[in-house]
Amino acid sequence: MDHGLLSPAETDELSHTKLMLERLATSWPRRAYVKKQELEPFFEADKEDFLESLLPFRDMPQYQSCPPEMKSRVLSCGWLMYNAKTVQIETEIVNPTCLDILRGEMPGLRSADSQKAVCETMVDEVYHVHLVEQASRLTRSRRGLEDIVIPQFNLVRHMHKRQQESSDPWQRRMIQFATAVVSEIFISDYLHLLSESTDIQGFNRMTVAAHRHDEMVHSPLFMSLAQLFSHELTEHQRAYFADVLSEPVVWFADRELDIWLSLLRQIGFPQANEMIRECRSSGSVDLTSLNYSEIVSMAEEIGLLDSAAARDSFSRQGLIA
C-alpha cells in the first residue's frame, strides 16, 4: 500500500500501533507467566473438574437424569476437551501464524518489534501447552480417563478446509492469520469463567488463570499486528482479508457437538446419540456465547469494512446488520 495516500489521522494511528507493539514486546520479561514460579499440581477430590454451565446439553433430560458419578465423568471430559481445544489453538493456529511472520512472509510485520513480540508469543503459547497438558495428565490419572481420545476440533478443521479451497499460498497464510487473530481476541473471554470459579478444582482454576494472564496481552498484540498487516496489503489482498476475517468468528462459536458425542460414547454415557441429536436441532453454532464486537470494531478501525463486499461478508455471518 502507498503510505503517501494515508491521511494524517491514519498516519497517527499507525504510529500509535507501532508504539503499542514496542511496549508489549518490551514488557514481556516482567509480565509473562513463563517467567514466574511454576504451578505445583494438587488435587481436591471433593471438587469437580469443570463447570456444568459450560456443557451444551446441561438442560437436556438425558443429562439431568443421569447419576452423579456419570455427571462427574462428563465434567472431567469437559475439562479434558477444554484443554485439548487450547492445545489445538496454540499448536495448529497461533504458532504456525507466528512462524509465517518470523519467516518474513506477512506484509507489514517484518519490523524488529513485530519479530520480537512474535517470538515472545511463541514462548508463551508453548508454555500454555505445558500448563494445560500437565493439568490434563493429572485429571486423566485421578479420574481413570487415561484412554480418552479427543478428535480434531471443528475450529481447526474448518480452517484447514478453507485453506485447501484456496489456490495461492498467500491466501492460505491469510486464512491462518485471520483465524489466529480471531482466536487470540476471543480466548481471554473463553478462559474467563473458569479462571475465577471457586466451584472447580483449584489447580484447574489456577491453570486457566495463568493462561488468561498472558492472553489478555495477546489480544491487543494481535489486533496491532492485524492493523500493521492490513495497511501493507494491495486492494485485492485487503478485500480477501476482509472476506475471510469474519469466518473464524463462526468457527470459534461452534459448539463442537461431534467432539462431545465421541467423548460421551467413550465413557458409556446412556442415550448419548439421542441427546446430541436433540442438541443439533437448536444449531451447531452459538454466536450468542461470544462478544464479537471487538472483531467488528477492529475491522472498521483498520478500514476493512469500507467496501460493500466486506460488509456483506460480515452480514452473512450475522456479525453486523
Protein backbone atom coordinates (compact mmCIF):
# COMPACT_ATOMS: atom_id res chain seq x y z
CA MET A 1 0.00 0.00 0.00
CA ASP A 2 1.23 3.52 -0.80
CA HIS A 3 1.69 5.26 2.57
CA GLY A 4 1.73 8.59 0.76
CA LEU A 5 -2.03 8.18 0.44
CA LEU A 6 -2.60 7.87 4.19
CA SER A 7 -4.42 10.70 5.90
CA PRO A 8 -2.81 12.41 8.92
CA ALA A 9 -5.24 10.54 11.20
CA GLU A 10 -4.27 7.19 9.66
CA THR A 11 -0.58 8.04 9.99
CA ASP A 12 -1.06 8.89 13.68
CA GLU A 13 -3.00 5.68 14.21
CA LEU A 14 -0.22 3.59 12.67
CA SER A 15 2.37 5.39 14.81
CA HIS A 16 0.29 4.67 17.92
CA THR A 17 0.00 0.99 16.94
CA LYS A 18 3.76 0.69 16.44
CA LEU A 19 4.37 2.30 19.85
CA MET A 20 1.93 -0.13 21.49
CA LEU A 21 3.69 -3.04 19.82
CA GLU A 22 7.03 -1.82 21.15
CA ARG A 23 5.63 -1.56 24.69
CA LEU A 24 4.08 -5.03 24.53
CA ALA A 25 7.35 -6.51 23.31
CA THR A 26 9.49 -4.86 25.98
CA SER A 27 7.10 -5.70 28.86
CA TRP A 28 7.35 -9.46 28.33
CA PRO A 29 10.15 -10.19 30.85
CA ARG A 30 8.03 -8.62 33.62
CA ARG A 31 4.58 -9.95 32.82
CA ALA A 32 4.88 -13.33 31.04
CA TYR A 33 3.76 -16.26 33.19
CA VAL A 34 6.60 -18.43 31.90
CA LYS A 35 8.88 -16.02 33.80
CA LYS A 36 7.11 -16.72 37.10
CA GLN A 37 7.27 -19.62 39.52
CA GLU A 38 5.69 -22.73 38.03
CA LEU A 39 2.39 -24.02 39.43
CA GLU A 40 2.63 -27.09 41.63
CA PRO A 41 -0.06 -29.70 40.81
CA PHE A 42 -2.55 -30.57 43.55
CA PHE A 43 -5.89 -32.40 43.56
CA GLU A 44 -9.12 -31.78 45.51
CA ALA A 45 -11.21 -34.93 45.43
CA ASP A 46 -14.36 -33.15 46.58
CA LYS A 47 -14.47 -30.67 43.68
CA GLU A 48 -15.49 -31.14 40.06
CA ASP A 49 -13.14 -30.51 37.15
CA PHE A 50 -15.38 -28.29 35.02
CA LEU A 51 -18.41 -26.01 35.17
CA GLU A 52 -21.75 -27.59 34.38
CA SER A 53 -22.95 -24.25 32.95
CA LEU A 54 -20.50 -24.70 30.04
CA LEU A 55 -22.00 -28.00 28.87
CA PRO A 56 -24.09 -27.56 25.69
CA PHE A 57 -26.53 -30.24 26.90
CA ARG A 58 -26.73 -29.20 30.58
CA ASP A 59 -30.53 -28.80 30.46
CA MET A 60 -31.25 -31.95 28.46
CA PRO A 61 -33.26 -34.62 30.33
CA GLN A 62 -30.74 -37.33 29.43
CA TYR A 63 -28.03 -35.44 31.29
CA GLN A 64 -30.23 -34.22 34.14
CA SER A 65 -31.41 -37.77 34.93
CA CYS A 66 -28.02 -39.50 34.91
CA PRO A 67 -26.36 -40.47 38.23
CA PRO A 68 -23.87 -38.12 39.96
CA GLU A 69 -20.94 -40.40 39.13
CA MET A 70 -21.67 -40.14 35.41
CA LYS A 71 -22.16 -36.38 35.62
CA SER A 72 -18.77 -36.13 37.26
CA ARG A 73 -17.16 -38.11 34.43
CA VAL A 74 -18.86 -35.86 31.89
CA LEU A 75 -17.46 -32.79 33.65
CA SER A 76 -13.99 -34.32 33.67
CA CYS A 77 -14.33 -34.92 29.93
CA GLY A 78 -15.37 -31.29 29.56
CA TRP A 79 -12.13 -30.22 31.24
CA LEU A 80 -10.03 -32.51 29.03
CA MET A 81 -11.86 -31.22 25.96
CA TYR A 82 -11.35 -27.61 27.06
CA ASN A 83 -7.61 -28.20 27.40
CA ALA A 84 -7.37 -30.09 24.13
CA LYS A 85 -9.01 -27.19 22.30
CA THR A 86 -6.46 -24.86 23.89
CA VAL A 87 -3.61 -27.07 22.68
CA GLN A 88 -5.01 -27.25 19.15
CA ILE A 89 -5.48 -23.47 19.01
CA GLU A 90 -1.89 -22.88 20.15
CA THR A 91 -0.18 -25.55 18.04
CA GLU A 92 -2.26 -25.58 14.86
CA ILE A 93 -3.41 -21.96 14.58
CA VAL A 94 -1.32 -19.45 16.55
CA ASN A 95 2.20 -20.83 16.39
CA PRO A 96 2.08 -21.58 12.62
CA THR A 97 0.99 -17.96 12.12
CA CYS A 98 3.91 -16.78 14.24
CA LEU A 99 6.26 -18.86 12.09
CA ASP A 100 4.86 -17.23 8.93
CA ILE A 101 5.64 -13.84 10.49
CA LEU A 102 9.16 -14.85 11.52
CA ARG A 103 9.85 -16.11 8.00
CA GLY A 104 9.01 -12.63 6.71
CA GLU A 105 6.00 -13.90 4.75
CA MET A 106 3.44 -11.48 6.24
CA PRO A 107 3.47 -7.90 4.88
CA GLY A 108 3.86 -5.13 7.44
CA LEU A 109 5.16 -7.48 10.15
CA ARG A 110 8.88 -7.55 9.43
CA SER A 111 9.97 -4.89 11.94
CA ALA A 112 12.20 -5.72 14.91
CA ASP A 113 9.36 -5.13 17.38
CA SER A 114 6.97 -7.36 15.44
CA GLN A 115 9.53 -10.16 15.29
CA LYS A 116 10.41 -9.80 18.98
CA ALA A 117 6.76 -9.79 20.10
CA VAL A 118 6.02 -12.84 17.96
CA CYS A 119 9.00 -14.77 19.37
CA GLU A 120 7.81 -13.98 22.89
CA THR A 121 4.27 -15.04 21.99
CA MET A 122 5.54 -18.41 20.75
CA VAL A 123 7.30 -18.99 24.08
CA ASP A 124 4.07 -18.07 25.89
CA GLU A 125 2.00 -20.42 23.78
CA VAL A 126 4.32 -23.39 24.20
CA TYR A 127 4.29 -22.76 27.96
CA HIS A 128 0.48 -22.69 27.90
CA VAL A 129 0.53 -26.09 26.20
CA HIS A 130 2.77 -27.34 29.01
CA LEU A 131 0.38 -25.92 31.63
CA VAL A 132 -2.80 -27.47 30.25
CA GLU A 133 -1.17 -30.78 29.37
CA GLN A 134 0.05 -31.03 32.97
CA ALA A 135 -3.48 -30.35 34.20
CA SER A 136 -4.93 -32.91 31.78
CA ARG A 137 -2.46 -35.59 32.85
CA LEU A 138 -3.48 -35.05 36.49
CA THR A 139 -7.18 -35.33 35.62
CA ARG A 140 -6.73 -38.40 33.43
CA SER A 141 -4.77 -40.16 36.19
CA ARG A 142 -7.07 -39.26 39.10
CA ARG A 143 -10.32 -39.81 37.20
CA GLY A 144 -9.37 -43.00 35.35
CA LEU A 145 -9.63 -41.39 31.91
CA GLU A 146 -6.17 -42.23 30.54
CA ASP A 147 -7.55 -43.77 27.35
CA ILE A 148 -9.89 -40.94 26.31
CA VAL A 149 -9.12 -39.81 22.74
CA ILE A 150 -10.13 -36.29 21.67
CA PRO A 151 -10.60 -35.74 17.89
CA GLN A 152 -9.72 -32.60 15.93
CA PHE A 153 -11.95 -29.63 16.72
CA ASN A 154 -14.19 -28.04 14.10
CA LEU A 155 -12.40 -24.71 14.57
CA VAL A 156 -9.20 -26.27 13.21
CA ARG A 157 -10.96 -28.46 10.68
CA HIS A 158 -12.88 -25.53 9.15
CA MET A 159 -9.67 -23.50 8.88
CA HIS A 160 -7.82 -26.30 7.10
CA LYS A 161 -10.77 -26.92 4.76
CA ARG A 162 -10.87 -23.22 3.85
CA GLN A 163 -7.13 -23.28 3.18
CA GLN A 164 -7.46 -26.32 0.93
CA GLU A 165 -10.06 -24.45 -1.13
CA SER A 166 -7.61 -21.57 -1.73
CA SER A 167 -5.19 -21.74 -4.63
CA ASP A 168 -2.49 -19.25 -3.63
CA PRO A 169 -0.06 -19.63 -0.70
CA TRP A 170 -0.65 -16.01 0.38
CA GLN A 171 -4.38 -16.76 0.69
CA ARG A 172 -3.70 -19.81 2.86
CA ARG A 173 -1.40 -17.77 5.09
CA MET A 174 -4.05 -15.06 5.35
CA ILE A 175 -6.71 -17.58 6.41
CA GLN A 176 -4.35 -18.88 9.10
CA PHE A 177 -3.57 -15.33 10.24
CA ALA A 178 -7.26 -14.32 10.36
CA THR A 179 -8.06 -17.42 12.43
CA ALA A 180 -5.20 -16.65 14.81
CA VAL A 181 -6.30 -13.03 15.24
CA VAL A 182 -9.89 -14.06 15.99
CA SER A 183 -8.79 -16.85 18.35
CA GLU A 184 -6.44 -14.58 20.29
CA ILE A 185 -9.16 -11.95 20.70
CA PHE A 186 -11.75 -14.48 21.88
CA ILE A 187 -9.66 -16.79 24.04
CA SER A 188 -9.46 -14.44 27.03
CA ASP A 189 -13.26 -14.43 27.34
CA TYR A 190 -13.24 -18.18 26.68
CA LEU A 191 -10.99 -18.63 29.72
CA HIS A 192 -12.72 -16.07 31.93
CA LEU A 193 -15.40 -18.15 33.67
CA LEU A 194 -13.11 -20.97 34.74
CA SER A 195 -10.31 -18.62 35.81
CA GLU A 196 -12.49 -17.11 38.55
CA SER A 197 -14.60 -20.08 39.64
CA THR A 198 -14.16 -21.45 43.15
CA ASP A 199 -16.52 -24.34 42.35
CA ILE A 200 -13.96 -26.31 40.35
CA GLN A 201 -10.59 -27.87 41.16
CA GLY A 202 -8.27 -25.18 42.49
CA PHE A 203 -5.42 -26.35 40.26
CA ASN A 204 -7.67 -26.20 37.21
CA ARG A 205 -8.72 -22.65 38.08
CA MET A 206 -5.11 -21.57 38.65
CA THR A 207 -4.01 -23.15 35.37
CA VAL A 208 -6.66 -21.25 33.41
CA ALA A 209 -5.93 -18.02 35.30
CA ALA A 210 -2.23 -18.28 34.42
CA HIS A 211 -3.10 -18.82 30.78
CA ARG A 212 -5.55 -15.92 30.74
CA HIS A 213 -2.97 -13.62 32.31
CA ASP A 214 -0.89 -13.85 29.13
CA GLU A 215 -3.80 -13.97 26.70
CA MET A 216 -5.07 -10.60 27.90
CA VAL A 217 -1.88 -9.17 26.38
CA HIS A 218 -2.03 -11.32 23.25
CA SER A 219 -5.40 -9.88 22.27
CA PRO A 220 -4.18 -6.27 21.82
CA LEU A 221 -0.95 -7.61 20.32
CA PHE A 222 -2.74 -9.48 17.55
CA MET A 223 -5.07 -6.55 16.93
CA SER A 224 -1.97 -4.40 16.43
CA LEU A 225 -0.45 -7.00 14.11
CA ALA A 226 -3.69 -7.10 12.10
CA GLN A 227 -3.63 -3.33 11.65
CA LEU A 228 0.00 -3.19 10.53
CA PHE A 229 -0.59 -6.17 8.24
CA SER A 230 -3.69 -4.76 6.57
CA HIS A 231 -2.05 -1.40 5.82
CA GLU A 232 0.59 -3.15 3.69
CA LEU A 233 -1.84 -5.12 1.54
CA THR A 234 -2.93 -4.38 -2.01
CA GLU A 235 -6.60 -3.56 -2.51
CA HIS A 236 -7.21 -7.11 -3.76
CA GLN A 237 -5.49 -8.61 -0.73
CA ARG A 238 -7.34 -6.32 1.68
CA ALA A 239 -10.65 -7.37 0.14
CA TYR A 240 -9.71 -11.03 0.63
CA PHE A 241 -8.61 -10.42 4.23
CA ALA A 242 -11.88 -8.62 4.96
CA ASP A 243 -13.80 -11.54 3.48
CA VAL A 244 -12.03 -14.27 5.46
CA LEU A 245 -11.82 -12.42 8.80
CA SER A 246 -15.50 -12.95 9.60
CA GLU A 247 -15.43 -16.72 9.08
CA PRO A 248 -13.32 -17.77 12.11
CA VAL A 249 -15.80 -15.98 14.36
CA VAL A 250 -18.41 -18.57 13.41
CA TRP A 251 -15.87 -21.40 13.60
CA PHE A 252 -14.91 -20.36 17.14
CA ALA A 253 -18.59 -20.31 18.16
CA ASP A 254 -19.07 -23.94 17.07
CA ARG A 255 -20.48 -25.99 19.94
CA GLU A 256 -18.24 -28.93 18.93
CA LEU A 257 -21.06 -31.45 19.28
CA ASP A 258 -19.14 -34.06 17.27
CA ILE A 259 -16.36 -33.98 19.87
CA TRP A 260 -18.87 -34.27 22.67
CA LEU A 261 -20.57 -37.25 21.03
CA SER A 262 -17.22 -39.02 20.71
CA LEU A 263 -16.34 -38.41 24.38
CA LEU A 264 -19.78 -39.41 25.66
CA ARG A 265 -19.61 -42.67 23.72
CA GLN A 266 -16.16 -43.39 25.13
CA ILE A 267 -17.36 -43.11 28.75
CA GLY A 268 -20.53 -45.09 28.05
CA PHE A 269 -23.00 -42.27 28.56
CA PRO A 270 -26.54 -43.63 28.08
CA GLN A 271 -28.56 -42.14 25.22
CA ALA A 272 -25.58 -40.09 24.03
CA ASN A 273 -26.69 -40.26 20.39
CA GLU A 274 -30.22 -39.12 21.18
CA MET A 275 -29.07 -36.26 23.43
CA ILE A 276 -26.57 -34.86 20.91
CA ARG A 277 -29.10 -35.27 18.08
CA GLU A 278 -31.56 -33.14 20.04
CA CYS A 279 -28.81 -30.59 20.73
CA ARG A 280 -28.15 -30.30 17.00
CA SER A 281 -31.76 -29.30 16.43
CA SER A 282 -31.02 -25.97 18.14
CA GLY A 283 -27.97 -25.34 15.95
CA SER A 284 -24.31 -26.31 15.85
CA VAL A 285 -23.12 -22.71 16.35
CA ASP A 286 -23.88 -20.37 19.25
CA LEU A 287 -22.84 -16.82 18.35
CA THR A 288 -24.55 -15.52 21.49
CA SER A 289 -21.75 -17.10 23.52
CA LEU A 290 -19.23 -14.66 22.03
CA ASN A 291 -18.72 -10.94 22.32
CA TYR A 292 -17.55 -10.31 18.77
CA SER A 293 -17.87 -6.52 18.96
CA GLU A 294 -14.06 -6.17 19.17
CA ILE A 295 -13.68 -8.01 15.86
CA VAL A 296 -16.21 -5.72 14.17
CA SER A 297 -14.66 -2.61 15.74
CA MET A 298 -11.18 -3.66 14.68
CA ALA A 299 -12.34 -4.31 11.11
CA GLU A 300 -13.97 -0.88 10.99
CA GLU A 301 -10.96 0.90 12.50
CA ILE A 302 -8.50 -0.53 10.02
CA GLY A 303 -10.80 0.12 7.08
CA LEU A 304 -11.69 -3.46 6.22
CA LEU A 305 -15.41 -2.71 6.22
CA ASP A 306 -15.15 0.22 3.83
CA SER A 307 -16.21 -1.94 0.89
CA ALA A 308 -19.72 -3.23 0.32
CA ALA A 309 -18.38 -6.75 -0.32
CA ALA A 310 -16.69 -6.87 3.08
CA ARG A 311 -19.80 -5.63 4.85
CA ASP A 312 -21.82 -8.28 3.03
CA SER A 313 -19.40 -10.92 4.31
CA PHE A 314 -19.77 -9.78 7.93
CA SER A 315 -23.54 -9.52 7.45
CA ARG A 316 -23.78 -13.07 6.06
CA GLN A 317 -22.09 -14.39 9.19
CA GLY A 318 -24.59 -12.48 11.35
CA LEU A 319 -21.96 -10.13 12.81
CA ILE A 320 -23.48 -6.86 11.58
CA ALA A 321 -26.92 -5.81 10.41
